[in-house]
Amino acid sequence: MLKFKFSDFGVECGTDEAGRGCLAGPVTAAAVILPDGFELSLLNDSKQLSEKIREQLKPLIESKAICFSVTHLEAGIIDEINILNASIKAMHHCIDKLNPTPHYIIVDGNRFKDINNIPYSTIVKGDSKFMSIAAASVLAKTYRDEYMCTIHEEFPMYNWKQNKGYPTIEHREAIRKYGTTKYHRMSFRLLPEQSELEFENDEAFLDCSVKFVKTAFK
């Protein structure tokens, strides 16, 4: 069963992202502050839910939340600052837009950076442990899926409405046949036959097949 809060602070927000391991499209983050007494029986880590259930939960989360925010960061930014920094930057943008400002932040995963001196905790598999992170995971996933379905209309040959930009065989065959688009992450290993790329020593991101650019964002 998901827990409501992690801290003793009055206003706690949860944040998560979707699309970190994709070859195309943005990384999308969401941040959510839930009210006391919040209940939503089907809520869970978005990866454990069907698309149908996620779509049912989305308007319920939005209507019941005190506030929420969603941010897309495009492929060009991911290529410039690396996927880890882009994921954190997207979460920062979401948190900046929340009203009220949270007193505490709980983050899915094990990496984050300070924002406005707000105390925070990173929680591995937090989206399966705490309601606000689970709610953020559902919003990030559903908003990103909608985005990918929209850009599918521009480049239907990659079938993004189905694979959502993930490195499926179909997606990689389309890259091989048609080349890349403005939505592809050029710092990622788009095709298996590409030469081996250098990785940061972070096992959480090895499966992303991305060459990290060692720059920090402001």
N, C-alpha and C. Protein backbone atom coordinates (compact mmCIF):
# COMPACT_ATOMS: atom_id res chain seq x y z
N MET A 1 0.84 -1.19 0.00
CA MET A 1 0.00 0.00 0.00
C MET A 1 0.88 1.25 0.00
N LEU A 2 0.50 2.23 -0.83
CA LEU A 2 1.27 3.46 -0.90
C LEU A 2 1.09 4.30 0.36
N LYS A 3 2.18 4.92 0.79
CA LYS A 3 2.12 5.81 1.94
C LYS A 3 1.81 7.23 1.46
N PHE A 4 1.18 8.00 2.34
CA PHE A 4 0.80 9.36 1.95
C PHE A 4 1.99 10.31 1.97
N LYS A 5 2.79 10.28 3.04
CA LYS A 5 3.89 11.22 3.18
C LYS A 5 5.15 10.54 3.67
N PHE A 6 6.27 11.19 3.36
CA PHE A 6 7.58 10.73 3.81
C PHE A 6 8.07 11.55 4.99
N SER A 7 7.83 12.86 4.95
CA SER A 7 8.39 13.78 5.94
C SER A 7 7.30 14.27 6.90
N ASP A 8 7.73 15.07 7.86
CA ASP A 8 6.80 15.72 8.79
C ASP A 8 6.50 17.16 8.37
N PHE A 9 7.00 17.58 7.22
CA PHE A 9 6.76 18.94 6.76
C PHE A 9 5.31 19.09 6.29
N GLY A 10 4.80 20.30 6.40
CA GLY A 10 3.40 20.53 6.10
C GLY A 10 3.04 20.34 4.64
N VAL A 11 3.88 20.84 3.73
CA VAL A 11 3.58 20.76 2.30
C VAL A 11 4.70 19.97 1.62
N GLU A 12 4.38 18.77 1.23
CA GLU A 12 5.36 17.87 0.60
C GLU A 12 4.93 17.59 -0.83
N CYS A 13 5.87 17.68 -1.74
CA CYS A 13 5.55 17.33 -3.13
C CYS A 13 6.35 16.10 -3.55
N GLY A 14 5.78 15.36 -4.47
CA GLY A 14 6.47 14.24 -5.09
C GLY A 14 6.78 14.56 -6.53
N THR A 15 7.90 14.08 -7.04
CA THR A 15 8.26 14.35 -8.43
C THR A 15 8.87 13.13 -9.08
N ASP A 16 8.63 12.99 -10.37
CA ASP A 16 9.13 11.85 -11.13
C ASP A 16 9.21 12.25 -12.59
N GLU A 17 9.86 11.41 -13.39
CA GLU A 17 9.99 11.68 -14.82
C GLU A 17 9.64 10.45 -15.64
N ALA A 18 9.44 10.66 -16.94
CA ALA A 18 9.18 9.57 -17.88
C ALA A 18 9.97 9.82 -19.14
N GLY A 19 10.40 8.73 -19.78
CA GLY A 19 11.08 8.84 -21.07
C GLY A 19 12.58 8.93 -21.01
N ARG A 20 13.16 8.58 -19.88
CA ARG A 20 14.61 8.72 -19.75
C ARG A 20 15.36 7.81 -20.72
N GLY A 21 14.85 6.63 -20.98
CA GLY A 21 15.58 5.69 -21.81
C GLY A 21 15.18 5.68 -23.28
N CYS A 22 14.41 6.67 -23.71
CA CYS A 22 13.94 6.70 -25.09
C CYS A 22 15.01 7.20 -26.05
N LEU A 23 14.84 6.86 -27.32
CA LEU A 23 15.74 7.34 -28.37
C LEU A 23 15.25 8.64 -28.97
N ALA A 24 13.97 8.94 -28.80
CA ALA A 24 13.38 10.14 -29.39
C ALA A 24 12.37 10.74 -28.42
N GLY A 25 12.13 12.03 -28.62
CA GLY A 25 11.15 12.72 -27.81
C GLY A 25 11.75 13.30 -26.54
N PRO A 26 10.92 14.01 -25.79
CA PRO A 26 11.42 14.70 -24.60
C PRO A 26 11.54 13.77 -23.41
N VAL A 27 12.23 14.22 -22.40
CA VAL A 27 12.07 13.66 -21.06
C VAL A 27 11.03 14.55 -20.40
N THR A 28 10.05 13.92 -19.76
CA THR A 28 8.92 14.65 -19.19
C THR A 28 8.87 14.42 -17.70
N ALA A 29 8.74 15.50 -16.95
CA ALA A 29 8.67 15.41 -15.50
C ALA A 29 7.35 15.96 -15.01
N ALA A 30 6.95 15.51 -13.83
CA ALA A 30 5.77 16.05 -13.17
C ALA A 30 6.06 16.19 -11.69
N ALA A 31 5.40 17.14 -11.06
CA ALA A 31 5.47 17.33 -9.61
C ALA A 31 4.05 17.53 -9.10
N VAL A 32 3.76 16.94 -7.94
CA VAL A 32 2.39 16.94 -7.43
C VAL A 32 2.40 17.17 -5.92
N ILE A 33 1.48 18.01 -5.46
CA ILE A 33 1.19 18.15 -4.04
C ILE A 33 -0.23 17.65 -3.81
N LEU A 34 -0.39 16.68 -2.93
CA LEU A 34 -1.68 16.07 -2.66
C LEU A 34 -2.24 16.57 -1.33
N PRO A 35 -3.56 16.63 -1.21
CA PRO A 35 -4.18 17.11 0.03
C PRO A 35 -4.21 16.02 1.09
N ASP A 36 -4.32 16.42 2.33
CA ASP A 36 -4.52 15.46 3.42
C ASP A 36 -5.79 14.66 3.14
N GLY A 37 -5.73 13.37 3.46
CA GLY A 37 -6.88 12.50 3.24
C GLY A 37 -7.03 12.00 1.82
N PHE A 38 -6.04 12.31 0.97
CA PHE A 38 -6.11 11.86 -0.43
C PHE A 38 -6.15 10.34 -0.52
N GLU A 39 -7.07 9.82 -1.32
CA GLU A 39 -7.16 8.39 -1.58
C GLU A 39 -7.49 8.17 -3.04
N LEU A 40 -6.85 7.20 -3.63
CA LEU A 40 -7.12 6.81 -5.01
C LEU A 40 -6.69 5.35 -5.14
N SER A 41 -7.65 4.45 -5.11
CA SER A 41 -7.36 3.03 -4.90
C SER A 41 -6.49 2.42 -5.99
N LEU A 42 -6.62 2.86 -7.22
CA LEU A 42 -5.87 2.26 -8.31
C LEU A 42 -4.47 2.84 -8.49
N LEU A 43 -4.17 3.90 -7.74
CA LEU A 43 -2.90 4.59 -7.93
C LEU A 43 -1.72 3.70 -7.60
N ASN A 44 -0.72 3.71 -8.48
CA ASN A 44 0.50 2.94 -8.30
C ASN A 44 1.56 3.50 -9.25
N ASP A 45 2.75 2.96 -9.16
CA ASP A 45 3.80 3.25 -10.13
C ASP A 45 3.22 3.11 -11.53
N SER A 46 3.38 4.13 -12.36
CA SER A 46 2.77 4.12 -13.70
C SER A 46 3.21 2.94 -14.53
N LYS A 47 4.42 2.43 -14.30
CA LYS A 47 4.92 1.29 -15.07
C LYS A 47 4.15 0.01 -14.74
N GLN A 48 3.48 -0.01 -13.61
CA GLN A 48 2.72 -1.18 -13.19
C GLN A 48 1.26 -1.10 -13.63
N LEU A 49 0.89 -0.01 -14.30
CA LEU A 49 -0.50 0.21 -14.69
C LEU A 49 -0.67 0.12 -16.20
N SER A 50 -1.84 -0.30 -16.63
CA SER A 50 -2.14 -0.32 -18.06
C SER A 50 -2.37 1.11 -18.55
N GLU A 51 -2.27 1.30 -19.84
CA GLU A 51 -2.53 2.62 -20.42
C GLU A 51 -3.95 3.08 -20.08
N LYS A 52 -4.89 2.17 -20.11
CA LYS A 52 -6.29 2.51 -19.81
C LYS A 52 -6.42 3.04 -18.38
N ILE A 53 -5.80 2.37 -17.43
CA ILE A 53 -5.88 2.80 -16.04
C ILE A 53 -5.18 4.13 -15.85
N ARG A 54 -4.02 4.31 -16.48
CA ARG A 54 -3.33 5.60 -16.37
C ARG A 54 -4.21 6.74 -16.87
N GLU A 55 -4.89 6.51 -17.98
CA GLU A 55 -5.75 7.55 -18.54
C GLU A 55 -6.95 7.83 -17.63
N GLN A 56 -7.40 6.82 -16.93
CA GLN A 56 -8.49 7.03 -15.97
C GLN A 56 -8.02 7.82 -14.76
N LEU A 57 -6.78 7.55 -14.33
CA LEU A 57 -6.25 8.20 -13.14
C LEU A 57 -5.88 9.67 -13.39
N LYS A 58 -5.44 9.98 -14.58
CA LYS A 58 -4.93 11.33 -14.88
C LYS A 58 -5.91 12.43 -14.46
N PRO A 59 -7.17 12.44 -14.93
CA PRO A 59 -8.07 13.54 -14.52
C PRO A 59 -8.42 13.50 -13.05
N LEU A 60 -8.40 12.32 -12.43
CA LEU A 60 -8.69 12.22 -11.00
C LEU A 60 -7.57 12.85 -10.18
N ILE A 61 -6.33 12.58 -10.58
CA ILE A 61 -5.18 13.19 -9.90
C ILE A 61 -5.24 14.71 -10.06
N GLU A 62 -5.49 15.16 -11.27
CA GLU A 62 -5.51 16.60 -11.54
C GLU A 62 -6.61 17.31 -10.77
N SER A 63 -7.75 16.66 -10.63
CA SER A 63 -8.87 17.30 -9.93
C SER A 63 -8.71 17.27 -8.42
N LYS A 64 -8.04 16.25 -7.88
CA LYS A 64 -7.91 16.09 -6.44
C LYS A 64 -6.66 16.75 -5.87
N ALA A 65 -5.63 16.94 -6.70
CA ALA A 65 -4.36 17.49 -6.22
C ALA A 65 -4.53 18.95 -5.79
N ILE A 66 -3.75 19.36 -4.79
CA ILE A 66 -3.69 20.79 -4.44
C ILE A 66 -3.12 21.56 -5.62
N CYS A 67 -2.06 21.02 -6.20
CA CYS A 67 -1.49 21.59 -7.42
C CYS A 67 -0.61 20.55 -8.08
N PHE A 68 -0.36 20.74 -9.37
CA PHE A 68 0.55 19.86 -10.10
C PHE A 68 1.16 20.65 -11.24
N SER A 69 2.26 20.13 -11.79
CA SER A 69 2.93 20.77 -12.91
C SER A 69 3.62 19.70 -13.74
N VAL A 70 3.67 19.93 -15.05
CA VAL A 70 4.31 19.00 -15.98
C VAL A 70 5.23 19.79 -16.91
N THR A 71 6.42 19.24 -17.18
CA THR A 71 7.40 19.91 -18.04
C THR A 71 8.00 18.91 -19.03
N HIS A 72 8.09 19.31 -20.30
CA HIS A 72 8.83 18.55 -21.32
C HIS A 72 10.17 19.25 -21.56
N LEU A 73 11.25 18.47 -21.61
CA LEU A 73 12.54 19.00 -22.05
C LEU A 73 12.96 18.25 -23.32
N GLU A 74 13.22 19.00 -24.36
CA GLU A 74 13.41 18.42 -25.69
C GLU A 74 14.76 17.73 -25.87
N ALA A 75 14.84 17.00 -26.98
CA ALA A 75 16.03 16.19 -27.28
C ALA A 75 17.30 17.04 -27.33
N GLY A 76 17.19 18.25 -27.88
CA GLY A 76 18.38 19.10 -27.98
C GLY A 76 18.98 19.44 -26.63
N ILE A 77 18.12 19.66 -25.65
CA ILE A 77 18.62 19.95 -24.30
C ILE A 77 19.22 18.69 -23.69
N ILE A 78 18.59 17.55 -23.92
CA ILE A 78 19.13 16.28 -23.43
C ILE A 78 20.53 16.06 -24.00
N ASP A 79 20.69 16.31 -25.29
CA ASP A 79 22.01 16.13 -25.92
C ASP A 79 23.03 17.11 -25.36
N GLU A 80 22.58 18.29 -24.99
CA GLU A 80 23.50 19.32 -24.51
C GLU A 80 23.97 19.07 -23.09
N ILE A 81 23.07 18.66 -22.19
CA ILE A 81 23.44 18.60 -20.77
C ILE A 81 23.41 17.19 -20.20
N ASN A 82 23.03 16.20 -20.94
CA ASN A 82 22.91 14.77 -20.65
C ASN A 82 21.57 14.43 -20.02
N ILE A 83 21.20 13.19 -20.09
CA ILE A 83 19.85 12.78 -19.70
C ILE A 83 19.63 12.90 -18.20
N LEU A 84 20.63 12.66 -17.39
CA LEU A 84 20.45 12.83 -15.94
C LEU A 84 20.17 14.28 -15.60
N ASN A 85 21.02 15.19 -16.09
CA ASN A 85 20.80 16.60 -15.81
C ASN A 85 19.49 17.11 -16.39
N ALA A 86 19.12 16.61 -17.57
CA ALA A 86 17.85 17.03 -18.18
C ALA A 86 16.67 16.56 -17.35
N SER A 87 16.75 15.33 -16.83
CA SER A 87 15.67 14.82 -15.99
C SER A 87 15.50 15.67 -14.74
N ILE A 88 16.61 16.00 -14.10
CA ILE A 88 16.55 16.81 -12.88
C ILE A 88 16.09 18.23 -13.21
N LYS A 89 16.58 18.77 -14.32
CA LYS A 89 16.16 20.13 -14.71
C LYS A 89 14.66 20.18 -14.97
N ALA A 90 14.11 19.16 -15.61
CA ALA A 90 12.67 19.11 -15.86
C ALA A 90 11.90 19.06 -14.54
N MET A 91 12.39 18.29 -13.57
CA MET A 91 11.74 18.25 -12.27
C MET A 91 11.84 19.59 -11.56
N HIS A 92 12.98 20.26 -11.68
CA HIS A 92 13.13 21.59 -11.10
C HIS A 92 12.11 22.57 -11.69
N HIS A 93 11.95 22.53 -13.00
CA HIS A 93 10.98 23.42 -13.64
C HIS A 93 9.57 23.18 -13.09
N CYS A 94 9.23 21.91 -12.90
CA CYS A 94 7.91 21.58 -12.35
C CYS A 94 7.76 22.14 -10.94
N ILE A 95 8.74 21.93 -10.11
CA ILE A 95 8.67 22.37 -8.71
C ILE A 95 8.57 23.88 -8.64
N ASP A 96 9.29 24.59 -9.51
CA ASP A 96 9.24 26.05 -9.53
C ASP A 96 7.84 26.58 -9.83
N LYS A 97 7.05 25.80 -10.54
CA LYS A 97 5.72 26.26 -10.95
C LYS A 97 4.63 25.91 -9.94
N LEU A 98 4.96 25.16 -8.90
CA LEU A 98 3.95 24.78 -7.92
C LEU A 98 3.54 25.95 -7.04
N ASN A 99 2.26 26.01 -6.73
CA ASN A 99 1.73 27.02 -5.81
C ASN A 99 0.68 26.34 -4.94
N PRO A 100 0.98 26.09 -3.67
CA PRO A 100 2.05 26.68 -2.86
C PRO A 100 3.42 26.04 -3.13
N THR A 101 4.45 26.74 -2.71
CA THR A 101 5.81 26.20 -2.79
C THR A 101 5.94 25.08 -1.76
N PRO A 102 6.46 23.95 -2.17
CA PRO A 102 6.60 22.84 -1.21
C PRO A 102 7.64 23.13 -0.13
N HIS A 103 7.39 22.57 1.04
CA HIS A 103 8.35 22.66 2.15
C HIS A 103 9.34 21.50 2.10
N TYR A 104 8.97 20.44 1.38
CA TYR A 104 9.82 19.24 1.29
C TYR A 104 9.53 18.57 -0.04
N ILE A 105 10.56 17.94 -0.61
CA ILE A 105 10.44 17.28 -1.91
C ILE A 105 10.85 15.82 -1.77
N ILE A 106 10.06 14.91 -2.31
CA ILE A 106 10.48 13.52 -2.42
C ILE A 106 10.58 13.16 -3.89
N VAL A 107 11.68 12.52 -4.24
CA VAL A 107 12.07 12.30 -5.63
C VAL A 107 12.21 10.81 -5.90
N ASP A 108 11.64 10.35 -7.00
CA ASP A 108 11.85 8.96 -7.38
C ASP A 108 13.28 8.78 -7.88
N GLY A 109 13.98 7.76 -7.38
CA GLY A 109 15.33 7.49 -7.85
C GLY A 109 16.37 7.79 -6.79
N ASN A 110 17.61 7.95 -7.23
CA ASN A 110 18.71 8.16 -6.29
C ASN A 110 19.57 9.37 -6.60
N ARG A 111 19.12 10.22 -7.54
CA ARG A 111 19.91 11.40 -7.91
C ARG A 111 19.01 12.63 -7.99
N PHE A 112 19.48 13.73 -7.45
CA PHE A 112 18.75 14.99 -7.51
C PHE A 112 19.73 16.10 -7.19
N LYS A 113 19.30 17.34 -7.36
CA LYS A 113 20.11 18.51 -7.03
C LYS A 113 19.24 19.51 -6.28
N ASP A 114 19.88 20.25 -5.41
CA ASP A 114 19.17 21.24 -4.60
C ASP A 114 18.43 22.25 -5.47
N ILE A 115 17.23 22.62 -5.02
CA ILE A 115 16.47 23.68 -5.66
C ILE A 115 15.91 24.60 -4.59
N ASN A 116 16.32 25.84 -4.63
CA ASN A 116 15.81 26.89 -3.73
C ASN A 116 15.97 26.52 -2.25
N ASN A 117 16.99 25.72 -1.96
CA ASN A 117 17.27 25.31 -0.58
C ASN A 117 16.12 24.55 0.09
N ILE A 118 15.26 23.95 -0.71
CA ILE A 118 14.17 23.15 -0.17
C ILE A 118 14.74 21.77 0.18
N PRO A 119 14.54 21.28 1.40
CA PRO A 119 15.05 19.95 1.74
C PRO A 119 14.37 18.87 0.90
N TYR A 120 15.10 17.80 0.62
CA TYR A 120 14.54 16.74 -0.22
C TYR A 120 15.13 15.39 0.16
N SER A 121 14.46 14.35 -0.28
CA SER A 121 14.97 12.98 -0.17
C SER A 121 14.76 12.26 -1.49
N THR A 122 15.77 11.52 -1.91
CA THR A 122 15.62 10.63 -3.07
C THR A 122 15.22 9.25 -2.55
N ILE A 123 14.28 8.62 -3.25
CA ILE A 123 13.73 7.34 -2.80
C ILE A 123 13.72 6.37 -3.96
N VAL A 124 14.55 5.35 -3.90
CA VAL A 124 14.59 4.34 -4.96
C VAL A 124 13.24 3.62 -4.99
N LYS A 125 12.68 3.53 -6.19
CA LYS A 125 11.34 2.94 -6.39
C LYS A 125 10.29 3.69 -5.58
N GLY A 126 10.50 5.00 -5.44
CA GLY A 126 9.56 5.82 -4.69
C GLY A 126 8.18 5.85 -5.31
N ASP A 127 8.09 5.63 -6.64
CA ASP A 127 6.79 5.65 -7.30
C ASP A 127 5.92 4.46 -6.91
N SER A 128 6.51 3.46 -6.27
CA SER A 128 5.72 2.34 -5.77
C SER A 128 5.59 2.37 -4.26
N LYS A 129 6.01 3.50 -3.65
CA LYS A 129 5.99 3.61 -2.19
C LYS A 129 5.17 4.80 -1.67
N PHE A 130 5.15 5.91 -2.43
CA PHE A 130 4.51 7.13 -1.94
C PHE A 130 3.52 7.68 -2.96
N MET A 131 2.38 8.13 -2.47
CA MET A 131 1.29 8.56 -3.34
C MET A 131 1.68 9.70 -4.26
N SER A 132 2.36 10.71 -3.72
CA SER A 132 2.65 11.88 -4.55
C SER A 132 3.62 11.55 -5.67
N ILE A 133 4.57 10.67 -5.40
CA ILE A 133 5.51 10.27 -6.47
C ILE A 133 4.77 9.42 -7.50
N ALA A 134 3.91 8.52 -7.04
CA ALA A 134 3.13 7.70 -7.96
C ALA A 134 2.24 8.57 -8.83
N ALA A 135 1.61 9.58 -8.21
CA ALA A 135 0.77 10.49 -8.98
C ALA A 135 1.59 11.25 -10.02
N ALA A 136 2.79 11.69 -9.63
CA ALA A 136 3.68 12.38 -10.57
C ALA A 136 4.09 11.45 -11.71
N SER A 137 4.33 10.18 -11.39
CA SER A 137 4.74 9.23 -12.42
C SER A 137 3.63 9.03 -13.44
N VAL A 138 2.38 8.99 -12.98
CA VAL A 138 1.24 8.82 -13.89
C VAL A 138 1.10 10.04 -14.79
N LEU A 139 1.20 11.23 -14.22
CA LEU A 139 1.09 12.44 -15.04
C LEU A 139 2.23 12.56 -16.04
N ALA A 140 3.44 12.30 -15.60
CA ALA A 140 4.59 12.38 -16.52
C ALA A 140 4.42 11.41 -17.67
N LYS A 141 4.00 10.20 -17.36
CA LYS A 141 3.84 9.18 -18.40
C LYS A 141 2.71 9.52 -19.36
N THR A 142 1.55 9.93 -18.86
CA THR A 142 0.42 10.20 -19.74
C THR A 142 0.66 11.44 -20.60
N TYR A 143 1.24 12.48 -20.01
CA TYR A 143 1.51 13.67 -20.81
C TYR A 143 2.57 13.39 -21.87
N ARG A 144 3.58 12.59 -21.53
CA ARG A 144 4.60 12.28 -22.52
C ARG A 144 4.02 11.42 -23.65
N ASP A 145 3.20 10.44 -23.29
CA ASP A 145 2.57 9.60 -24.31
C ASP A 145 1.73 10.44 -25.27
N GLU A 146 1.00 11.41 -24.74
CA GLU A 146 0.21 12.31 -25.59
C GLU A 146 1.12 13.09 -26.54
N TYR A 147 2.24 13.56 -26.02
CA TYR A 147 3.20 14.30 -26.83
C TYR A 147 3.71 13.42 -27.98
N MET A 148 4.06 12.17 -27.66
CA MET A 148 4.60 11.29 -28.69
C MET A 148 3.56 10.94 -29.74
N CYS A 149 2.30 10.84 -29.34
CA CYS A 149 1.23 10.59 -30.32
C CYS A 149 1.05 11.79 -31.24
N THR A 150 1.27 12.98 -30.70
CA THR A 150 1.16 14.20 -31.52
C THR A 150 2.27 14.27 -32.56
N ILE A 151 3.51 14.04 -32.14
CA ILE A 151 4.60 14.13 -33.12
C ILE A 151 4.63 12.91 -34.04
N HIS A 152 3.92 11.84 -33.67
CA HIS A 152 3.77 10.70 -34.58
C HIS A 152 3.12 11.15 -35.89
N GLU A 153 2.19 12.10 -35.81
CA GLU A 153 1.51 12.57 -37.02
C GLU A 153 2.49 13.25 -37.97
N GLU A 154 3.55 13.82 -37.44
CA GLU A 154 4.55 14.48 -38.26
C GLU A 154 5.51 13.48 -38.89
N PHE A 155 5.83 12.40 -38.16
CA PHE A 155 6.76 11.38 -38.65
C PHE A 155 6.17 9.98 -38.38
N PRO A 156 5.12 9.60 -39.09
CA PRO A 156 4.42 8.34 -38.79
C PRO A 156 5.26 7.09 -39.05
N MET A 157 6.31 7.22 -39.84
CA MET A 157 7.11 6.04 -40.18
C MET A 157 7.83 5.44 -38.97
N TYR A 158 7.96 6.18 -37.88
CA TYR A 158 8.64 5.66 -36.68
C TYR A 158 7.66 5.01 -35.69
N ASN A 159 6.37 5.16 -35.95
CA ASN A 159 5.30 4.57 -35.14
C ASN A 159 5.42 4.96 -33.66
N TRP A 160 5.66 6.23 -33.41
CA TRP A 160 5.81 6.70 -32.02
C TRP A 160 4.52 6.59 -31.22
N LYS A 161 3.38 6.53 -31.89
CA LYS A 161 2.13 6.38 -31.14
C LYS A 161 2.08 5.02 -30.46
N GLN A 162 2.88 4.09 -30.97
CA GLN A 162 2.93 2.75 -30.38
C GLN A 162 4.14 2.59 -29.47
N ASN A 163 5.34 2.90 -29.99
CA ASN A 163 6.56 2.63 -29.20
C ASN A 163 6.98 3.79 -28.31
N LYS A 164 6.35 4.97 -28.48
CA LYS A 164 6.60 6.16 -27.65
C LYS A 164 8.07 6.60 -27.64
N GLY A 165 8.82 6.19 -28.66
CA GLY A 165 10.21 6.61 -28.76
C GLY A 165 11.21 5.67 -28.11
N TYR A 166 10.72 4.59 -27.52
CA TYR A 166 11.63 3.63 -26.88
C TYR A 166 12.40 2.83 -27.94
N PRO A 167 13.52 2.21 -27.55
CA PRO A 167 14.38 1.53 -28.53
C PRO A 167 13.88 0.15 -28.92
N THR A 168 12.70 0.10 -29.51
CA THR A 168 12.17 -1.17 -30.02
C THR A 168 12.87 -1.54 -31.32
N ILE A 169 12.76 -2.78 -31.71
CA ILE A 169 13.32 -3.22 -32.99
C ILE A 169 12.71 -2.41 -34.13
N GLU A 170 11.39 -2.23 -34.08
CA GLU A 170 10.69 -1.47 -35.11
C GLU A 170 11.22 -0.04 -35.21
N HIS A 171 11.41 0.59 -34.07
CA HIS A 171 11.90 1.97 -34.08
C HIS A 171 13.30 2.05 -34.67
N ARG A 172 14.14 1.14 -34.27
CA ARG A 172 15.52 1.17 -34.78
C ARG A 172 15.58 0.83 -36.27
N GLU A 173 14.71 -0.05 -36.74
CA GLU A 173 14.66 -0.35 -38.17
C GLU A 173 14.23 0.88 -38.95
N ALA A 174 13.30 1.66 -38.39
CA ALA A 174 12.86 2.88 -39.05
C ALA A 174 13.99 3.92 -39.10
N ILE A 175 14.77 4.00 -38.04
CA ILE A 175 15.93 4.91 -38.04
C ILE A 175 16.92 4.49 -39.12
N ARG A 176 17.14 3.19 -39.22
CA ARG A 176 18.07 2.68 -40.23
C ARG A 176 17.57 3.01 -41.64
N LYS A 177 16.27 2.92 -41.84
CA LYS A 177 15.70 3.13 -43.17
C LYS A 177 15.53 4.61 -43.51
N TYR A 178 15.04 5.40 -42.56
CA TYR A 178 14.67 6.78 -42.85
C TYR A 178 15.63 7.83 -42.26
N GLY A 179 16.55 7.39 -41.43
CA GLY A 179 17.44 8.34 -40.79
C GLY A 179 16.81 8.92 -39.52
N THR A 180 17.34 10.05 -39.06
CA THR A 180 16.89 10.63 -37.81
C THR A 180 16.06 11.89 -38.06
N THR A 181 15.41 12.36 -37.00
CA THR A 181 14.58 13.56 -37.06
C THR A 181 15.07 14.55 -36.00
N LYS A 182 14.43 15.69 -35.96
CA LYS A 182 14.75 16.69 -34.95
C LYS A 182 14.38 16.24 -33.55
N TYR A 183 13.57 15.17 -33.46
CA TYR A 183 13.14 14.67 -32.16
C TYR A 183 14.06 13.57 -31.61
N HIS A 184 15.00 13.09 -32.41
CA HIS A 184 15.89 12.02 -31.95
C HIS A 184 17.03 12.59 -31.09
N ARG A 185 17.43 11.81 -30.13
CA ARG A 185 18.52 12.18 -29.22
C ARG A 185 19.84 11.73 -29.84
N MET A 186 20.55 12.66 -30.40
CA MET A 186 21.72 12.30 -31.18
C MET A 186 22.89 11.84 -30.31
N SER A 187 22.84 12.09 -29.01
CA SER A 187 23.90 11.62 -28.12
C SER A 187 23.66 10.18 -27.67
N PHE A 188 22.51 9.61 -28.04
CA PHE A 188 22.20 8.23 -27.69
C PHE A 188 22.70 7.27 -28.77
N ARG A 189 22.87 6.04 -28.40
CA ARG A 189 23.24 5.01 -29.36
C ARG A 189 21.97 4.55 -30.08
N LEU A 190 21.69 5.16 -31.21
CA LEU A 190 20.43 4.95 -31.90
C LEU A 190 20.36 3.59 -32.59
N LEU A 191 21.51 3.09 -33.05
CA LEU A 191 21.55 1.80 -33.73
C LEU A 191 22.59 0.91 -33.08
N PRO A 192 22.32 -0.39 -32.98
CA PRO A 192 23.25 -1.31 -32.32
C PRO A 192 24.63 -1.32 -32.95
N GLU A 193 24.71 -1.07 -34.26
CA GLU A 193 26.00 -1.18 -34.93
C GLU A 193 26.86 0.07 -34.76
N GLN A 194 26.33 1.10 -34.10
CA GLN A 194 27.16 2.27 -33.83
C GLN A 194 28.32 1.88 -32.94
N SER A 195 29.43 2.61 -33.10
CA SER A 195 30.60 2.33 -32.27
C SER A 195 30.26 2.55 -30.81
N GLU A 196 30.95 1.85 -29.94
CA GLU A 196 30.71 1.94 -28.51
C GLU A 196 30.92 3.38 -28.04
N LEU A 197 30.00 3.85 -27.23
CA LEU A 197 30.09 5.20 -26.68
C LEU A 197 30.56 5.15 -25.25
N GLU A 198 31.09 6.25 -24.78
CA GLU A 198 31.55 6.32 -23.41
C GLU A 198 30.37 6.60 -22.48
N PHE A 199 30.40 6.00 -21.33
CA PHE A 199 29.33 6.18 -20.36
C PHE A 199 29.90 6.70 -19.06
N GLU A 200 29.08 7.47 -18.33
CA GLU A 200 29.43 7.82 -16.97
C GLU A 200 29.34 6.57 -16.12
N ASN A 201 30.08 6.53 -15.07
CA ASN A 201 30.08 5.36 -14.19
C ASN A 201 28.88 5.41 -13.25
N ASP A 202 27.68 5.17 -13.83
CA ASP A 202 26.43 5.22 -13.06
C ASP A 202 25.53 4.13 -13.60
N GLU A 203 25.44 3.02 -12.87
CA GLU A 203 24.72 1.88 -13.37
C GLU A 203 23.25 2.18 -13.62
N ALA A 204 22.69 3.19 -12.97
CA ALA A 204 21.29 3.52 -13.15
C ALA A 204 21.01 4.03 -14.56
N PHE A 205 22.09 4.45 -15.27
CA PHE A 205 21.88 5.02 -16.59
C PHE A 205 22.58 4.24 -17.70
N LEU A 206 23.15 3.11 -17.38
CA LEU A 206 23.86 2.35 -18.41
C LEU A 206 22.93 1.89 -19.50
N ASP A 207 21.67 1.56 -19.14
CA ASP A 207 20.74 1.04 -20.13
C ASP A 207 20.22 2.13 -21.05
N CYS A 208 20.56 3.37 -20.82
CA CYS A 208 20.09 4.46 -21.67
C CYS A 208 20.85 4.53 -22.98
N SER A 209 22.01 3.88 -23.08
CA SER A 209 22.84 3.92 -24.27
C SER A 209 23.14 5.35 -24.71
N VAL A 210 23.63 6.13 -23.80
CA VAL A 210 23.84 7.54 -24.10
C VAL A 210 25.24 7.95 -23.70
N LYS A 211 25.84 8.76 -24.53
CA LYS A 211 27.12 9.36 -24.18
C LYS A 211 26.83 10.63 -23.42
N PHE A 212 27.19 10.67 -22.16
CA PHE A 212 26.90 11.83 -21.34
C PHE A 212 27.87 12.96 -21.68
N VAL A 213 27.35 14.13 -21.83
CA VAL A 213 28.17 15.33 -21.97
C VAL A 213 28.38 15.89 -20.59
N LYS A 214 29.61 16.01 -20.16
CA LYS A 214 29.89 16.35 -18.78
C LYS A 214 29.83 17.86 -18.55
N THR A 215 28.59 18.34 -18.64
CA THR A 215 28.36 19.75 -18.34
C THR A 215 27.24 19.85 -17.35
N ALA A 216 27.24 20.88 -16.56
CA ALA A 216 26.18 21.08 -15.58
C ALA A 216 25.29 22.21 -16.03
N PHE A 217 24.02 22.12 -15.75
CA PHE A 217 23.12 23.21 -16.07
C PHE A 217 23.08 24.21 -14.95
N LYS A 218 22.73 25.42 -15.30
CA LYS A 218 22.62 26.49 -14.29
C LYS A 218 21.24 26.43 -13.65
